[in-house]
N, C-alpha and C. Protein backbone atom coordinates (compact mmCIF):
# COMPACT_ATOMS: atom_id res chain seq x y z
N UNK A 1 63.75 47.98 105.62
CA UNK A 1 63.41 47.00 106.59
C UNK A 1 63.98 45.64 106.25
N UNK A 2 63.80 45.18 105.02
CA UNK A 2 64.24 43.85 104.53
C UNK A 2 65.84 43.74 104.72
N UNK A 3 66.53 44.82 104.57
CA UNK A 3 67.95 44.76 104.72
C UNK A 3 68.35 44.51 106.24
N UNK A 4 67.46 44.95 107.09
CA UNK A 4 67.83 44.80 108.49
C UNK A 4 67.66 43.46 109.08
N UNK A 5 66.80 42.58 108.36
CA UNK A 5 66.56 41.34 108.87
C UNK A 5 67.85 40.38 109.06
N UNK A 6 67.91 39.61 109.97
CA UNK A 6 68.92 38.62 110.24
C UNK A 6 68.47 37.38 109.39
N UNK A 7 69.27 36.98 108.39
CA UNK A 7 68.84 35.81 107.60
C UNK A 7 68.71 34.59 108.29
N UNK A 8 69.44 34.48 109.44
CA UNK A 8 69.37 33.27 110.31
C UNK A 8 68.11 33.13 111.02
N UNK A 9 67.29 34.28 111.04
CA UNK A 9 66.05 34.22 111.78
C UNK A 9 64.88 33.83 110.90
N UNK A 10 65.10 33.57 109.66
CA UNK A 10 64.00 33.26 108.71
C UNK A 10 63.94 31.72 108.30
N UNK A 11 62.74 31.16 108.40
CA UNK A 11 62.64 29.89 107.99
C UNK A 11 61.79 29.90 106.68
N UNK A 12 62.44 29.41 105.62
CA UNK A 12 61.86 29.46 104.31
C UNK A 12 61.15 28.00 104.13
N UNK A 13 59.89 28.17 103.39
CA UNK A 13 59.21 26.80 103.35
C UNK A 13 58.36 26.89 102.15
N UNK A 14 57.95 25.61 101.67
CA UNK A 14 57.01 25.42 100.55
C UNK A 14 56.35 24.11 100.90
N UNK A 15 55.11 23.99 100.45
CA UNK A 15 54.32 22.81 100.64
C UNK A 15 53.77 22.27 99.31
N UNK A 16 53.64 20.96 99.29
CA UNK A 16 53.03 20.29 98.08
C UNK A 16 51.69 19.64 98.57
N UNK A 17 50.66 19.80 97.93
CA UNK A 17 49.38 19.20 98.32
C UNK A 17 48.73 18.44 97.17
N UNK A 18 47.80 17.59 97.51
CA UNK A 18 47.04 16.71 96.60
C UNK A 18 45.65 16.58 97.15
N UNK A 19 44.69 16.15 96.25
CA UNK A 19 43.39 15.81 96.82
C UNK A 19 43.39 14.76 97.85
N UNK A 20 42.52 14.81 98.78
CA UNK A 20 42.53 13.75 99.84
C UNK A 20 42.29 12.38 99.36
N UNK A 21 41.62 12.16 98.31
CA UNK A 21 41.27 10.90 97.70
C UNK A 21 41.77 10.87 96.19
N UNK A 22 42.15 9.75 95.61
CA UNK A 22 42.58 9.76 94.20
C UNK A 22 41.53 10.13 93.19
N UNK A 23 40.23 9.76 93.52
CA UNK A 23 39.21 9.97 92.53
C UNK A 23 37.99 10.73 93.18
N UNK A 24 37.23 11.47 92.41
CA UNK A 24 36.03 12.04 92.86
C UNK A 24 35.06 10.98 93.36
N UNK A 25 35.00 9.73 92.75
CA UNK A 25 34.15 8.76 93.19
C UNK A 25 34.41 8.19 94.54
N UNK A 26 35.51 8.53 95.06
CA UNK A 26 35.93 8.02 96.39
C UNK A 26 35.29 8.88 97.50
N UNK A 27 34.75 10.08 97.16
CA UNK A 27 34.16 10.96 98.15
C UNK A 27 32.70 10.36 98.47
N UNK A 28 32.29 10.61 99.68
CA UNK A 28 30.92 10.35 100.09
C UNK A 28 30.07 11.39 99.36
N UNK A 29 28.81 10.94 99.24
CA UNK A 29 27.81 11.68 98.48
C UNK A 29 27.70 13.15 99.00
N UNK A 30 27.53 13.37 100.23
CA UNK A 30 27.46 14.80 100.76
C UNK A 30 28.76 15.62 100.54
N UNK A 31 29.93 14.90 100.53
CA UNK A 31 31.14 15.60 100.26
C UNK A 31 31.24 15.95 98.74
N UNK A 32 30.74 15.14 97.95
CA UNK A 32 30.63 15.41 96.42
C UNK A 32 29.81 16.68 96.25
N UNK A 33 28.74 16.84 96.99
CA UNK A 33 27.82 17.92 96.81
C UNK A 33 28.51 19.16 97.35
N UNK A 34 29.21 19.12 98.50
CA UNK A 34 29.90 20.19 98.98
C UNK A 34 31.11 20.64 98.09
N UNK A 35 31.75 19.67 97.50
CA UNK A 35 32.78 19.98 96.56
C UNK A 35 32.10 20.81 95.29
N UNK A 36 31.04 20.30 94.80
CA UNK A 36 30.30 21.14 93.81
C UNK A 36 29.94 22.51 94.15
N UNK A 37 29.51 22.62 95.32
CA UNK A 37 29.18 23.94 95.81
C UNK A 37 30.35 24.89 95.87
N UNK A 38 31.43 24.28 96.52
CA UNK A 38 32.64 25.04 96.72
C UNK A 38 33.29 25.56 95.48
N UNK A 39 33.22 24.82 94.44
CA UNK A 39 33.97 25.01 93.20
C UNK A 39 32.92 25.68 92.09
N UNK A 40 31.77 25.84 92.41
CA UNK A 40 30.78 26.39 91.40
C UNK A 40 31.22 27.71 90.78
N UNK A 41 31.78 28.54 91.55
CA UNK A 41 32.16 29.95 91.06
C UNK A 41 33.36 29.81 90.20
N UNK A 42 34.20 28.78 90.26
CA UNK A 42 35.38 28.68 89.41
C UNK A 42 35.19 27.87 88.13
N UNK A 43 34.21 26.88 88.28
CA UNK A 43 34.02 26.02 87.08
C UNK A 43 33.26 26.68 85.93
N UNK A 44 33.45 26.44 84.81
CA UNK A 44 32.64 26.79 83.73
C UNK A 44 31.50 25.84 83.60
N UNK A 45 30.39 26.27 83.07
CA UNK A 45 29.22 25.35 83.12
C UNK A 45 29.45 24.03 82.55
N UNK A 46 30.32 23.88 81.57
CA UNK A 46 30.49 22.68 80.87
C UNK A 46 31.44 21.76 81.65
N UNK A 47 32.09 22.17 82.76
CA UNK A 47 32.97 21.38 83.58
C UNK A 47 32.30 20.83 84.77
N UNK A 48 32.21 19.56 84.95
CA UNK A 48 31.57 18.97 85.96
C UNK A 48 32.43 18.98 87.25
N UNK A 49 31.78 18.82 88.40
CA UNK A 49 32.58 18.73 89.66
C UNK A 49 33.63 17.57 89.62
N UNK A 50 33.26 16.51 88.98
CA UNK A 50 34.21 15.40 88.83
C UNK A 50 35.35 15.75 88.01
N UNK A 51 35.18 16.37 86.90
CA UNK A 51 36.24 16.78 85.98
C UNK A 51 37.20 17.80 86.63
N UNK A 52 36.60 18.51 87.65
CA UNK A 52 37.27 19.58 88.32
C UNK A 52 38.08 19.09 89.42
N UNK A 53 37.88 17.78 89.81
CA UNK A 53 38.43 17.39 91.09
C UNK A 53 39.97 17.22 91.17
N UNK A 54 40.60 17.20 89.96
CA UNK A 54 42.05 17.09 89.98
C UNK A 54 42.68 18.38 90.68
N UNK A 55 41.93 19.39 90.90
CA UNK A 55 42.41 20.66 91.45
C UNK A 55 42.01 20.69 93.02
N UNK A 56 41.47 19.63 93.54
CA UNK A 56 40.98 19.61 94.92
C UNK A 56 42.09 19.80 95.99
N UNK A 57 43.37 19.55 95.53
CA UNK A 57 44.45 19.84 96.45
C UNK A 57 44.70 21.29 96.87
N UNK A 58 44.12 22.15 96.07
CA UNK A 58 44.36 23.65 96.33
C UNK A 58 43.59 24.01 97.59
N UNK A 59 42.50 23.32 97.97
CA UNK A 59 41.65 23.72 99.12
C UNK A 59 41.88 22.77 100.28
N UNK A 60 42.22 23.35 101.40
CA UNK A 60 42.62 22.52 102.68
C UNK A 60 41.36 21.71 103.09
N UNK A 61 40.17 22.08 102.68
CA UNK A 61 38.98 21.26 103.09
C UNK A 61 38.86 19.99 102.33
N UNK A 62 39.50 19.91 101.08
CA UNK A 62 39.36 18.77 100.29
C UNK A 62 40.78 18.15 99.91
N UNK A 63 41.82 18.80 100.33
CA UNK A 63 43.13 18.36 100.03
C UNK A 63 43.97 17.92 101.32
N UNK A 64 45.14 17.56 101.06
CA UNK A 64 46.05 17.15 102.11
C UNK A 64 47.44 17.57 101.75
N UNK A 65 48.38 17.70 102.79
CA UNK A 65 49.75 18.02 102.56
C UNK A 65 50.55 16.72 102.54
N UNK A 66 51.33 16.62 101.49
CA UNK A 66 52.20 15.47 101.33
C UNK A 66 53.72 15.74 101.51
N UNK A 67 54.02 17.04 101.45
CA UNK A 67 55.40 17.35 101.73
C UNK A 67 55.47 18.80 102.18
N UNK A 68 56.36 19.08 103.24
CA UNK A 68 56.67 20.38 103.61
C UNK A 68 58.17 20.48 103.55
N UNK A 69 58.75 21.30 102.67
CA UNK A 69 60.19 21.44 102.65
C UNK A 69 60.53 22.84 103.34
N UNK A 70 61.60 22.79 104.09
CA UNK A 70 62.04 23.97 104.90
C UNK A 70 63.56 24.20 104.73
N UNK A 71 63.92 25.46 104.79
CA UNK A 71 65.37 25.74 104.68
C UNK A 71 65.67 27.02 105.51
N UNK A 72 66.98 27.05 105.93
CA UNK A 72 67.39 28.26 106.73
C UNK A 72 68.88 28.42 106.48
N UNK A 73 69.23 29.74 106.65
CA UNK A 73 70.70 30.07 106.51
C UNK A 73 71.31 29.86 107.89
N UNK A 74 72.64 29.55 107.79
CA UNK A 74 73.47 29.47 109.04
C UNK A 74 74.90 29.81 108.51
N UNK A 75 75.69 30.28 109.43
CA UNK A 75 77.09 30.80 109.16
C UNK A 75 78.09 29.88 109.93
N UNK A 76 79.08 29.37 109.18
CA UNK A 76 80.08 28.54 109.77
C UNK A 76 81.41 29.01 109.28
N UNK A 77 82.30 29.38 110.16
CA UNK A 77 83.65 29.93 109.75
C UNK A 77 83.43 31.12 108.82
N UNK A 78 82.51 31.98 109.16
CA UNK A 78 82.21 33.14 108.33
C UNK A 78 81.66 32.86 107.04
N UNK A 79 81.33 31.58 106.67
CA UNK A 79 80.79 31.25 105.39
C UNK A 79 79.33 31.01 105.52
N UNK A 80 78.53 31.41 104.54
CA UNK A 80 77.12 31.24 104.50
C UNK A 80 76.71 29.98 103.92
N UNK A 81 75.76 29.27 104.65
CA UNK A 81 75.25 28.02 104.10
C UNK A 81 73.86 28.00 104.29
N UNK A 82 73.15 27.12 103.50
CA UNK A 82 71.68 26.96 103.55
C UNK A 82 71.26 25.51 103.67
N UNK A 83 70.57 25.18 104.74
CA UNK A 83 70.25 23.86 105.14
C UNK A 83 68.81 23.63 104.76
N UNK A 84 68.66 22.48 104.03
CA UNK A 84 67.27 22.12 103.48
C UNK A 84 66.84 20.75 104.03
N UNK A 85 65.59 20.64 104.55
CA UNK A 85 65.10 19.43 105.03
C UNK A 85 63.65 19.31 104.59
N UNK A 86 63.14 18.10 104.52
CA UNK A 86 61.77 17.83 104.06
C UNK A 86 60.97 16.94 104.98
N UNK A 87 59.77 17.15 105.33
CA UNK A 87 58.82 16.40 105.97
C UNK A 87 57.81 15.81 104.99
N UNK A 88 57.64 14.47 104.97
CA UNK A 88 56.78 13.96 103.98
C UNK A 88 56.19 12.70 104.39
N UNK A 89 55.20 12.13 103.72
CA UNK A 89 54.53 10.95 104.10
C UNK A 89 53.19 11.18 104.69
N UNK A 90 53.00 10.40 105.72
CA UNK A 90 51.58 10.57 106.48
C UNK A 90 51.51 12.04 106.85
N UNK A 91 50.33 12.64 106.58
CA UNK A 91 50.14 14.00 106.85
C UNK A 91 50.20 14.32 108.31
N UNK A 92 49.62 13.74 109.25
CA UNK A 92 49.66 13.95 110.65
C UNK A 92 51.08 13.91 111.16
N UNK A 93 51.90 12.92 110.75
CA UNK A 93 53.27 12.72 111.13
C UNK A 93 54.09 13.96 110.63
N UNK A 94 53.90 14.33 109.47
CA UNK A 94 54.68 15.36 108.90
C UNK A 94 54.31 16.73 109.59
N UNK A 95 53.11 16.95 109.85
CA UNK A 95 52.59 18.17 110.54
C UNK A 95 53.22 18.26 111.89
N UNK A 96 53.26 17.09 112.57
CA UNK A 96 53.91 17.02 113.99
C UNK A 96 55.35 17.39 113.85
N UNK A 97 56.00 16.88 112.93
CA UNK A 97 57.45 17.11 112.83
C UNK A 97 57.71 18.57 112.48
N UNK A 98 56.92 19.11 111.58
CA UNK A 98 57.12 20.51 111.25
C UNK A 98 56.87 21.41 112.46
N UNK A 99 55.83 21.06 113.14
CA UNK A 99 55.50 21.84 114.36
C UNK A 99 56.55 21.77 115.34
N UNK A 100 57.22 20.67 115.41
CA UNK A 100 58.40 20.47 116.45
C UNK A 100 59.47 21.33 115.90
N UNK A 101 59.78 21.42 114.64
CA UNK A 101 60.83 22.25 114.17
C UNK A 101 60.61 23.78 114.50
N UNK A 102 59.23 24.10 114.40
CA UNK A 102 58.86 25.65 114.77
C UNK A 102 59.09 25.82 116.23
N UNK A 103 58.52 24.90 117.03
CA UNK A 103 58.63 25.13 118.50
C UNK A 103 60.04 25.08 119.09
N UNK A 104 60.96 24.25 118.51
CA UNK A 104 62.27 24.06 119.04
C UNK A 104 63.26 25.11 118.54
N UNK A 105 63.00 25.56 117.30
CA UNK A 105 64.00 26.39 116.64
C UNK A 105 63.62 27.78 116.09
N UNK A 106 62.29 27.83 115.86
CA UNK A 106 61.78 29.14 115.33
C UNK A 106 60.58 29.61 115.97
N UNK A 107 60.61 29.70 117.29
CA UNK A 107 59.50 30.10 118.11
C UNK A 107 59.58 31.50 118.76
N UNK A 108 60.80 32.04 118.56
CA UNK A 108 60.91 33.37 119.27
C UNK A 108 60.41 34.50 118.40
N UNK A 109 60.26 35.69 119.02
CA UNK A 109 59.58 36.89 118.33
C UNK A 109 60.43 37.23 117.06
N UNK A 110 61.71 37.06 117.18
CA UNK A 110 62.53 37.45 116.09
C UNK A 110 62.44 36.59 114.88
N UNK A 111 61.86 35.41 115.04
CA UNK A 111 61.85 34.38 113.87
C UNK A 111 60.62 34.73 112.94
N UNK A 112 60.88 34.48 111.63
CA UNK A 112 59.89 34.76 110.61
C UNK A 112 59.73 33.48 109.73
N UNK A 113 58.55 33.27 109.22
CA UNK A 113 58.28 32.26 108.21
C UNK A 113 58.21 32.98 106.81
N UNK A 114 58.78 32.35 105.75
CA UNK A 114 58.85 32.96 104.46
C UNK A 114 58.52 31.99 103.40
N UNK A 115 57.55 32.39 102.49
CA UNK A 115 57.15 31.57 101.36
C UNK A 115 56.73 32.43 100.26
N UNK A 116 56.51 31.91 99.07
CA UNK A 116 55.98 32.70 97.95
C UNK A 116 54.63 32.46 97.87
N UNK A 117 53.74 33.55 97.94
CA UNK A 117 52.38 33.41 98.10
C UNK A 117 51.99 32.79 99.38
N UNK A 118 52.78 32.75 100.34
CA UNK A 118 52.61 32.10 101.66
C UNK A 118 51.48 32.57 102.46
N UNK A 119 51.19 33.88 102.34
CA UNK A 119 50.14 34.41 103.16
C UNK A 119 48.75 34.03 102.62
N UNK A 120 48.69 33.72 101.38
CA UNK A 120 47.48 33.28 100.67
C UNK A 120 47.29 31.78 100.63
N UNK A 121 48.43 31.07 100.64
CA UNK A 121 48.30 29.64 100.55
C UNK A 121 49.00 28.85 101.59
N UNK A 122 50.33 28.86 101.64
CA UNK A 122 51.06 27.87 102.50
C UNK A 122 50.75 28.05 103.91
N UNK A 123 50.81 29.23 104.45
CA UNK A 123 50.60 29.41 105.91
C UNK A 123 49.10 29.02 106.40
N UNK A 124 48.15 29.57 105.76
CA UNK A 124 46.84 29.27 106.17
C UNK A 124 46.41 27.70 105.90
N UNK A 125 47.05 27.26 104.73
CA UNK A 125 46.81 25.77 104.46
C UNK A 125 47.37 24.85 105.57
N UNK A 126 48.59 25.10 106.00
CA UNK A 126 49.18 24.27 107.08
C UNK A 126 48.35 24.53 108.34
N UNK A 127 47.87 25.72 108.65
CA UNK A 127 47.14 25.94 109.92
C UNK A 127 45.79 25.18 109.81
N UNK A 128 45.11 25.19 108.59
CA UNK A 128 43.83 24.54 108.59
C UNK A 128 43.96 23.05 108.65
N UNK A 129 45.05 22.52 108.05
CA UNK A 129 45.20 21.01 108.11
C UNK A 129 45.61 20.63 109.56
N UNK A 130 46.27 21.43 110.22
CA UNK A 130 46.62 21.13 111.65
C UNK A 130 45.25 21.12 112.43
N UNK A 131 44.45 22.08 112.29
CA UNK A 131 43.15 22.14 113.06
C UNK A 131 42.35 20.97 112.71
N UNK A 132 42.19 20.67 111.42
CA UNK A 132 41.45 19.42 110.89
C UNK A 132 41.89 18.07 111.49
N UNK A 133 43.22 18.04 111.67
CA UNK A 133 43.83 16.81 112.18
C UNK A 133 43.97 16.85 113.78
N UNK A 134 43.43 17.85 114.32
CA UNK A 134 43.31 17.87 115.82
C UNK A 134 44.63 18.36 116.57
N UNK A 135 45.50 19.11 115.83
CA UNK A 135 46.78 19.50 116.35
C UNK A 135 46.55 21.00 116.83
N UNK A 136 47.13 21.35 117.89
CA UNK A 136 47.13 22.67 118.33
C UNK A 136 48.17 23.47 117.52
N UNK A 137 47.70 24.66 117.16
CA UNK A 137 48.56 25.53 116.23
C UNK A 137 49.85 26.03 117.00
N UNK A 138 51.00 25.96 116.38
CA UNK A 138 52.09 26.59 117.01
C UNK A 138 52.11 28.13 116.91
N UNK A 139 52.80 28.73 117.78
CA UNK A 139 52.63 30.35 117.87
C UNK A 139 52.81 30.96 116.50
N UNK A 140 53.64 30.47 115.69
CA UNK A 140 53.99 31.24 114.47
C UNK A 140 52.74 31.16 113.44
N UNK A 141 51.84 30.16 113.70
CA UNK A 141 50.71 30.03 112.76
C UNK A 141 49.43 30.38 113.40
N UNK A 142 49.47 30.84 114.63
CA UNK A 142 48.16 31.22 115.33
C UNK A 142 48.08 32.68 115.28
N UNK A 143 47.31 33.21 114.39
CA UNK A 143 47.23 34.64 114.12
C UNK A 143 46.13 35.38 114.84
N UNK A 144 45.35 34.69 115.66
CA UNK A 144 44.25 35.25 116.38
C UNK A 144 44.73 36.40 117.23
N UNK A 145 44.07 37.50 117.10
CA UNK A 145 44.38 38.65 117.91
C UNK A 145 45.53 39.47 117.52
N UNK A 146 46.34 38.99 116.58
CA UNK A 146 47.55 39.67 116.07
C UNK A 146 47.29 40.86 115.22
N UNK A 147 47.88 41.97 115.43
CA UNK A 147 47.78 43.08 114.55
C UNK A 147 48.64 42.69 113.33
N UNK A 148 48.37 43.39 112.13
CA UNK A 148 48.99 43.03 110.87
C UNK A 148 50.56 43.17 110.98
N UNK A 149 51.18 44.10 111.74
CA UNK A 149 52.50 44.18 111.92
C UNK A 149 53.11 43.25 112.88
N UNK A 150 52.23 42.46 113.52
CA UNK A 150 52.70 41.33 114.47
C UNK A 150 52.86 40.02 113.86
N UNK A 151 52.23 39.93 112.68
CA UNK A 151 52.08 38.64 112.01
C UNK A 151 53.55 38.27 111.57
N UNK A 152 54.21 37.18 111.93
CA UNK A 152 55.58 36.80 111.72
C UNK A 152 55.77 36.13 110.37
N UNK A 153 55.20 36.71 109.33
CA UNK A 153 55.27 36.03 107.98
C UNK A 153 55.85 37.00 106.93
N UNK A 154 56.74 36.41 106.09
CA UNK A 154 57.19 37.10 104.96
C UNK A 154 56.70 36.43 103.68
N UNK A 155 56.33 37.20 102.68
CA UNK A 155 55.87 36.61 101.43
C UNK A 155 56.53 37.28 100.24
N UNK A 156 57.35 36.50 99.51
CA UNK A 156 58.09 37.09 98.45
C UNK A 156 57.14 37.65 97.25
N UNK A 157 55.96 37.08 97.08
CA UNK A 157 55.04 37.63 96.16
C UNK A 157 54.58 39.05 96.61
N UNK A 158 54.23 39.19 97.95
CA UNK A 158 53.76 40.36 98.51
C UNK A 158 54.88 41.46 98.44
N UNK A 159 56.11 41.00 98.75
CA UNK A 159 57.23 42.00 98.62
C UNK A 159 57.41 42.52 97.27
N UNK A 160 57.18 41.63 96.29
CA UNK A 160 57.28 42.12 94.81
C UNK A 160 56.16 43.01 94.38
N UNK A 161 55.01 42.91 95.02
CA UNK A 161 53.85 43.75 94.73
C UNK A 161 54.15 45.24 94.94
N UNK A 162 55.02 45.56 95.92
CA UNK A 162 55.36 47.01 96.25
C UNK A 162 54.04 47.80 96.43
N UNK A 163 53.03 47.24 97.08
CA UNK A 163 51.85 47.92 97.29
C UNK A 163 50.74 47.77 96.27
N UNK A 164 51.10 47.10 95.17
CA UNK A 164 50.05 46.85 94.14
C UNK A 164 49.18 45.61 94.41
N UNK A 165 48.15 45.82 95.14
CA UNK A 165 47.35 44.68 95.67
C UNK A 165 46.78 43.63 94.66
N UNK A 166 46.65 44.08 93.36
CA UNK A 166 46.07 43.18 92.41
C UNK A 166 47.17 42.39 91.58
N UNK A 167 48.35 42.60 91.97
CA UNK A 167 49.43 42.04 91.08
C UNK A 167 49.82 40.61 91.47
N UNK A 168 49.83 39.64 90.62
CA UNK A 168 50.29 38.29 90.89
C UNK A 168 51.39 38.01 89.97
N UNK A 169 52.40 37.44 90.58
CA UNK A 169 53.65 36.97 89.92
C UNK A 169 53.98 35.55 90.45
N UNK A 170 54.13 34.67 89.48
CA UNK A 170 54.50 33.27 89.91
C UNK A 170 55.92 33.24 90.38
N UNK A 171 56.31 32.30 91.18
CA UNK A 171 57.66 32.03 91.54
C UNK A 171 58.59 31.83 90.48
N UNK A 172 58.17 31.11 89.39
CA UNK A 172 58.99 30.85 88.26
C UNK A 172 59.28 32.18 87.49
N UNK A 173 58.19 32.97 87.35
CA UNK A 173 58.44 34.23 86.57
C UNK A 173 59.31 35.21 87.42
N UNK A 174 59.16 35.23 88.77
CA UNK A 174 59.96 36.21 89.55
C UNK A 174 61.38 35.83 89.53
N UNK A 175 61.69 34.46 89.55
CA UNK A 175 63.03 34.00 89.51
C UNK A 175 63.64 34.38 88.22
N UNK A 176 62.90 34.28 87.09
CA UNK A 176 63.33 34.58 85.76
C UNK A 176 63.67 36.15 85.64
N UNK A 177 62.80 36.96 86.05
CA UNK A 177 63.07 38.34 85.89
C UNK A 177 64.18 38.85 86.77
N UNK A 178 64.40 38.20 87.97
CA UNK A 178 65.43 38.56 88.94
C UNK A 178 66.75 37.87 88.65
N UNK A 179 66.79 37.01 87.46
CA UNK A 179 67.97 36.34 87.12
C UNK A 179 68.48 35.35 88.24
N UNK A 180 67.47 34.69 88.86
CA UNK A 180 67.77 33.72 89.80
C UNK A 180 67.94 32.32 89.15
N UNK A 181 69.11 31.71 89.24
CA UNK A 181 69.23 30.46 88.44
C UNK A 181 68.27 29.38 89.19
N UNK A 182 67.58 28.67 88.35
CA UNK A 182 66.65 27.64 88.79
C UNK A 182 66.93 26.26 88.11
N UNK A 183 67.05 25.25 88.84
CA UNK A 183 67.32 23.91 88.28
C UNK A 183 66.21 23.56 87.33
N UNK A 184 66.50 22.83 86.22
CA UNK A 184 65.55 22.42 85.39
C UNK A 184 64.51 21.61 86.06
N UNK A 185 63.26 21.93 85.91
CA UNK A 185 62.18 21.19 86.62
C UNK A 185 61.49 20.18 85.69
N UNK A 186 61.28 18.94 86.16
CA UNK A 186 60.67 18.02 85.34
C UNK A 186 59.02 17.89 85.63
N UNK A 187 58.63 18.65 86.57
CA UNK A 187 57.14 18.79 86.89
C UNK A 187 56.84 20.17 87.36
N UNK A 188 55.52 20.48 87.33
CA UNK A 188 55.04 21.76 87.87
C UNK A 188 53.91 21.40 88.87
N UNK A 189 53.41 22.49 89.45
CA UNK A 189 52.36 22.12 90.56
C UNK A 189 51.15 21.47 89.95
N UNK A 190 50.79 21.62 88.76
CA UNK A 190 49.55 21.02 88.26
C UNK A 190 49.78 19.49 88.03
N UNK A 191 51.03 19.06 88.13
CA UNK A 191 51.35 17.63 87.83
C UNK A 191 51.50 16.85 89.22
N UNK A 192 51.45 17.50 90.28
CA UNK A 192 51.80 16.87 91.58
C UNK A 192 50.87 15.76 91.92
N UNK A 193 49.62 15.90 91.73
CA UNK A 193 48.61 14.96 92.02
C UNK A 193 48.75 13.61 91.24
N UNK A 194 49.11 13.80 89.89
CA UNK A 194 49.28 12.71 89.00
C UNK A 194 50.53 11.93 89.39
N UNK A 195 51.63 12.68 89.65
CA UNK A 195 52.88 12.05 90.08
C UNK A 195 52.70 11.27 91.37
N UNK A 196 51.85 11.82 92.25
CA UNK A 196 51.58 11.20 93.52
C UNK A 196 50.85 10.02 93.48
N UNK A 197 49.57 10.08 92.92
CA UNK A 197 48.60 8.96 92.91
C UNK A 197 48.84 7.95 91.66
N UNK A 198 49.29 8.54 90.54
CA UNK A 198 49.36 7.60 89.35
C UNK A 198 50.86 6.98 89.28
N UNK A 199 51.79 7.89 89.46
CA UNK A 199 53.30 7.44 89.26
C UNK A 199 53.77 6.98 90.65
N UNK A 200 53.11 7.28 91.69
CA UNK A 200 53.64 6.86 93.05
C UNK A 200 55.13 7.22 93.20
N UNK A 201 55.37 8.46 92.88
CA UNK A 201 56.82 8.89 92.96
C UNK A 201 56.89 10.16 93.88
N UNK A 202 56.85 9.95 95.14
CA UNK A 202 56.89 11.01 96.10
C UNK A 202 58.15 11.68 96.12
N UNK A 203 59.32 10.84 95.86
CA UNK A 203 60.67 11.49 95.97
C UNK A 203 60.74 12.50 94.90
N UNK A 204 60.24 12.34 93.78
CA UNK A 204 60.23 13.32 92.72
C UNK A 204 59.53 14.62 93.15
N UNK A 205 58.45 14.47 93.90
CA UNK A 205 57.76 15.65 94.42
C UNK A 205 58.58 16.35 95.43
N UNK A 206 59.24 15.73 96.34
CA UNK A 206 60.07 16.17 97.40
C UNK A 206 61.15 17.11 96.83
N UNK A 207 61.80 16.61 95.75
CA UNK A 207 62.91 17.30 95.12
C UNK A 207 62.34 18.62 94.53
N UNK A 208 61.15 18.47 93.92
CA UNK A 208 60.50 19.71 93.35
C UNK A 208 60.18 20.74 94.52
N UNK A 209 59.71 20.32 95.58
CA UNK A 209 59.44 21.16 96.76
C UNK A 209 60.68 21.77 97.26
N UNK A 210 61.72 21.12 97.41
CA UNK A 210 63.00 21.62 97.91
C UNK A 210 63.62 22.57 96.97
N UNK A 211 63.50 22.48 95.62
CA UNK A 211 63.95 23.41 94.74
C UNK A 211 63.19 24.78 94.93
N UNK A 212 61.94 24.74 95.15
CA UNK A 212 61.12 26.03 95.35
C UNK A 212 61.63 26.76 96.62
N UNK A 213 61.91 25.95 97.63
CA UNK A 213 62.46 26.53 98.86
C UNK A 213 63.73 27.30 98.61
N UNK A 214 64.54 26.66 97.90
CA UNK A 214 65.89 27.34 97.59
C UNK A 214 65.69 28.56 96.76
N UNK A 215 64.78 28.45 95.75
CA UNK A 215 64.39 29.62 94.96
C UNK A 215 63.84 30.79 95.70
N UNK A 216 63.04 30.51 96.69
CA UNK A 216 62.41 31.57 97.56
C UNK A 216 63.54 32.26 98.30
N UNK A 217 64.48 31.55 98.85
CA UNK A 217 65.56 32.02 99.64
C UNK A 217 66.47 32.88 98.68
N UNK A 218 66.72 32.43 97.43
CA UNK A 218 67.53 33.13 96.57
C UNK A 218 66.84 34.51 96.13
N UNK A 219 65.52 34.52 96.07
CA UNK A 219 64.81 35.72 95.81
C UNK A 219 64.99 36.80 96.88
N UNK A 220 64.83 36.33 98.12
CA UNK A 220 65.12 37.21 99.23
C UNK A 220 66.54 37.88 99.19
N UNK A 221 67.56 36.99 98.79
CA UNK A 221 68.91 37.52 98.60
C UNK A 221 68.93 38.59 97.54
N UNK A 222 68.30 38.38 96.43
CA UNK A 222 68.21 39.37 95.32
C UNK A 222 67.54 40.66 95.74
N UNK A 223 66.38 40.57 96.53
CA UNK A 223 65.71 41.65 97.10
C UNK A 223 66.54 42.47 98.05
N UNK A 224 67.52 41.81 98.66
CA UNK A 224 68.48 42.58 99.47
C UNK A 224 69.76 42.87 98.77
N UNK A 225 69.84 42.64 97.51
CA UNK A 225 70.98 42.87 96.72
C UNK A 225 72.21 42.30 97.16
N UNK A 226 72.02 41.00 97.56
CA UNK A 226 73.19 40.16 98.14
C UNK A 226 73.60 39.12 97.13
N UNK A 227 74.73 38.52 97.25
CA UNK A 227 75.26 37.47 96.39
C UNK A 227 74.39 36.25 96.59
N UNK A 228 74.08 35.67 95.47
CA UNK A 228 73.23 34.37 95.45
C UNK A 228 74.12 33.21 95.91
N UNK A 229 73.30 32.14 96.23
CA UNK A 229 73.95 30.95 96.65
C UNK A 229 74.39 30.17 95.46
N UNK A 230 75.35 29.30 95.72
CA UNK A 230 75.76 28.33 94.63
C UNK A 230 75.51 26.92 95.29
N UNK A 231 75.62 25.90 94.44
CA UNK A 231 75.37 24.59 94.83
C UNK A 231 76.19 24.21 96.13
N UNK A 232 77.40 24.63 96.18
CA UNK A 232 78.19 24.26 97.37
C UNK A 232 77.74 24.85 98.65
N UNK A 233 76.88 25.89 98.61
CA UNK A 233 76.45 26.56 99.78
C UNK A 233 75.20 25.82 100.36
N UNK A 234 74.61 24.86 99.70
CA UNK A 234 73.42 24.22 100.01
C UNK A 234 73.67 22.83 100.51
N UNK A 235 73.07 22.52 101.75
CA UNK A 235 73.18 21.21 102.40
C UNK A 235 71.86 20.63 102.59
N UNK A 236 71.60 19.40 102.02
CA UNK A 236 70.38 18.69 102.22
C UNK A 236 70.45 17.73 103.41
N UNK A 237 69.51 17.61 104.19
CA UNK A 237 69.56 16.71 105.35
C UNK A 237 68.23 15.96 105.46
């Protein structure tokens, strides 16, 4: 099935998220209590809700999106290229721009969204933040009433599971075992909040997000047993 997909019909994406506020103390009292309840099952007894707050970006109810990077293949003069663009800054603004991209260029039945662990994180996170911010969901994120085979989402982690429902593999590990070249990264997901709030370096986060999008696309190529991209194949806009 994967071999039959047209690469030009797939939109590859990755998101970066942070807590909605820099500090736990910035939350209203009832929100602090809700955060404590939400994370109780994950926190060890000695870890307070405040100490655990640096992970708030993982949950759409307590986090926000600061960057969505997207990429897609296109062919020009029989040569394959990969175009990468990013939406960043104000969350409502970037969500509107991403929604516009979906509606204008990736809204047909043939189109698919692809991310690593996207079904568990990226796709539902974007949908939840759109609802929270009062935006109507685009067709590709509105799953109500859809049968499993009608959901227009690809997930490289799910593809790698090969039916093993309990198996988790990080994007970095999967790229390593599949011999996908990955640029040297100066940050990882656990550092995004600090880089955003403390270092005030959004550009660094955008580059990190774009690298992940490229890696996801490379993994799809490897799973199809096709030639990987080189730097000259990639266009940033």
